[in-house]
Amino acid sequence: MVPLIQSILEASAPVRAQLGDDPMRLWPKVAPEGAGLPYATWDVVGGAPLPQLNEPPPADGWRVRLVVWGGSATEANAAAVAIRTEIERRGSIESYNPSPDDDDTGAFGISFDVRLLAIR
């Protein structure tokens, strides 16, 4: 019942080129202290099974919030574009959100919500 966002992004060469691949700097909810930039976090902000009248739901729909952090707007944007491009091959962008607070780190953040469908 966990959305496939982690595995989708880990399988993408362009995303790995931005976020590294050993390990990829992509974490659920919160990055570990001292995480290198750029990195991304994700969290489920909504979801539900697709209703059917006479059958069990064939898929689960997820809304996932991604926050991408970089040392500059250019760095964060490059990682966010790679993620967006990969997501749009399988789902859609639901919203672009206000820039997140940098918690006095000086990092630049980009936040957006995506909609994914996981076929059961």
Protein backbone atom coordinates (compact mmCIF):
# COMPACT_ATOMS: atom_id res chain seq x y z
CA MET A 1 0.00 0.00 0.00
CA VAL A 2 3.00 2.30 -0.20
CA PRO A 3 3.06 4.43 -3.37
CA LEU A 4 5.71 3.46 -5.88
CA ILE A 5 7.40 6.89 -5.95
CA GLN A 6 10.69 5.66 -4.47
CA SER A 7 11.11 2.79 -6.92
CA ILE A 8 9.97 4.89 -9.90
CA LEU A 9 12.55 7.58 -9.20
CA GLU A 10 15.33 5.14 -8.28
CA ALA A 11 14.88 3.46 -11.68
CA SER A 12 15.33 6.74 -13.58
CA ALA A 13 18.82 7.46 -14.93
CA PRO A 14 18.15 11.23 -15.25
CA VAL A 15 16.95 11.40 -11.62
CA ARG A 16 19.95 9.35 -10.44
CA ALA A 17 22.20 11.76 -12.35
CA GLN A 18 20.79 14.57 -10.19
CA LEU A 19 20.32 12.81 -6.83
CA GLY A 20 23.10 10.22 -6.96
CA ASP A 21 22.63 6.49 -6.90
CA ASP A 22 24.72 4.98 -4.13
CA PRO A 23 22.64 5.79 -2.20
CA MET A 24 20.14 8.02 -3.98
CA ARG A 25 19.44 11.20 -2.00
CA LEU A 26 15.67 10.56 -1.90
CA TRP A 27 13.90 9.83 1.37
CA PRO A 28 10.39 9.47 2.73
CA LYS A 29 9.36 12.45 4.87
CA VAL A 30 12.71 13.79 6.15
CA ALA A 31 16.29 13.68 4.93
CA PRO A 32 18.95 12.54 7.38
CA GLU A 33 21.02 15.22 9.07
CA GLY A 34 23.91 16.34 6.90
CA ALA A 35 22.39 15.05 3.66
CA GLY A 36 24.25 16.34 0.63
CA LEU A 37 22.55 18.63 -1.86
CA PRO A 38 20.60 18.28 -4.02
CA TYR A 39 18.17 15.85 -2.45
CA ALA A 40 14.43 15.20 -2.39
CA THR A 41 11.91 14.04 0.17
CA TRP A 42 8.41 12.69 -0.40
CA ASP A 43 5.30 12.17 1.69
CA VAL A 44 1.82 10.86 1.01
CA VAL A 45 -0.74 13.67 1.29
CA GLY A 46 -3.77 11.72 0.08
CA GLY A 47 -5.01 8.74 -1.76
CA ALA A 48 -7.82 6.27 -2.20
CA PRO A 49 -8.66 3.09 -4.08
CA LEU A 50 -10.47 3.60 -7.37
CA PRO A 51 -14.09 2.69 -6.65
CA GLN A 52 -15.93 0.11 -8.72
CA LEU A 53 -19.61 -0.72 -8.36
CA ASN A 54 -19.45 -4.49 -8.76
CA GLU A 55 -15.77 -5.39 -8.40
CA PRO A 56 -12.86 -4.75 -6.06
CA PRO A 57 -10.90 -1.60 -6.89
CA PRO A 58 -8.45 -2.24 -9.75
CA ALA A 59 -5.94 0.39 -8.59
CA ASP A 60 -4.93 2.74 -5.80
CA GLY A 61 -4.57 6.44 -6.49
CA TRP A 62 -1.93 8.40 -4.58
CA ARG A 63 -1.17 12.07 -4.13
CA VAL A 64 2.46 12.48 -3.13
CA ARG A 65 4.22 15.71 -2.15
CA LEU A 66 7.81 16.05 -3.28
CA VAL A 67 10.20 18.66 -1.92
CA VAL A 68 13.47 19.09 -3.80
CA TRP A 69 16.37 20.93 -2.16
CA GLY A 70 19.47 22.37 -3.78
CA GLY A 71 22.31 24.69 -2.92
CA SER A 72 20.93 27.14 -5.48
CA ALA A 73 17.76 27.67 -7.46
CA THR A 74 19.51 26.24 -10.53
CA GLU A 75 20.56 23.06 -8.71
CA ALA A 76 17.12 22.49 -7.16
CA ASN A 77 15.40 23.21 -10.47
CA ALA A 78 17.56 20.71 -12.39
CA ALA A 79 16.66 17.95 -9.93
CA ALA A 80 12.97 18.96 -9.86
CA VAL A 81 12.78 18.94 -13.67
CA ALA A 82 14.30 15.44 -13.82
CA ILE A 83 11.75 14.22 -11.25
CA ARG A 84 8.85 15.97 -13.00
CA THR A 85 9.81 14.47 -16.36
CA GLU A 86 9.92 10.96 -14.89
CA ILE A 87 6.62 11.40 -13.03
CA GLU A 88 4.82 12.70 -16.11
CA ARG A 89 5.66 9.42 -17.88
CA ARG A 90 3.50 7.59 -15.29
CA GLY A 91 1.25 10.13 -13.60
CA SER A 92 0.61 13.84 -13.44
CA ILE A 93 1.58 16.97 -11.58
CA GLU A 94 -1.29 18.03 -9.32
CA SER A 95 0.07 21.33 -8.02
CA TYR A 96 3.11 23.49 -7.62
CA ASN A 97 3.36 24.59 -4.00
CA PRO A 98 4.86 27.61 -2.25
CA SER A 99 8.61 27.40 -1.66
CA PRO A 100 9.32 25.57 1.58
CA ASP A 101 11.14 27.17 4.50
CA ASP A 102 14.89 26.56 4.35
CA ASP A 103 15.25 26.26 8.15
CA ASP A 104 18.14 28.75 8.00
CA THR A 105 20.31 26.39 5.93
CA GLY A 106 20.33 28.66 2.89
CA ALA A 107 19.14 25.77 0.70
CA PHE A 108 16.61 26.48 -2.05
CA GLY A 109 13.48 24.33 -2.11
CA ILE A 110 10.87 23.47 -4.74
CA SER A 111 7.67 21.67 -3.75
CA PHE A 112 5.06 20.02 -5.93
CA ASP A 113 2.36 17.36 -5.62
CA VAL A 114 2.03 14.45 -8.01
CA ARG A 115 -0.78 12.00 -8.73
CA LEU A 116 0.16 8.36 -9.26
CA LEU A 117 -1.92 5.30 -9.99
CA ALA A 118 -0.79 1.88 -8.78
CA ILE A 119 -2.56 -0.97 -10.58
CA ARG A 120 -3.30 -3.81 -8.18
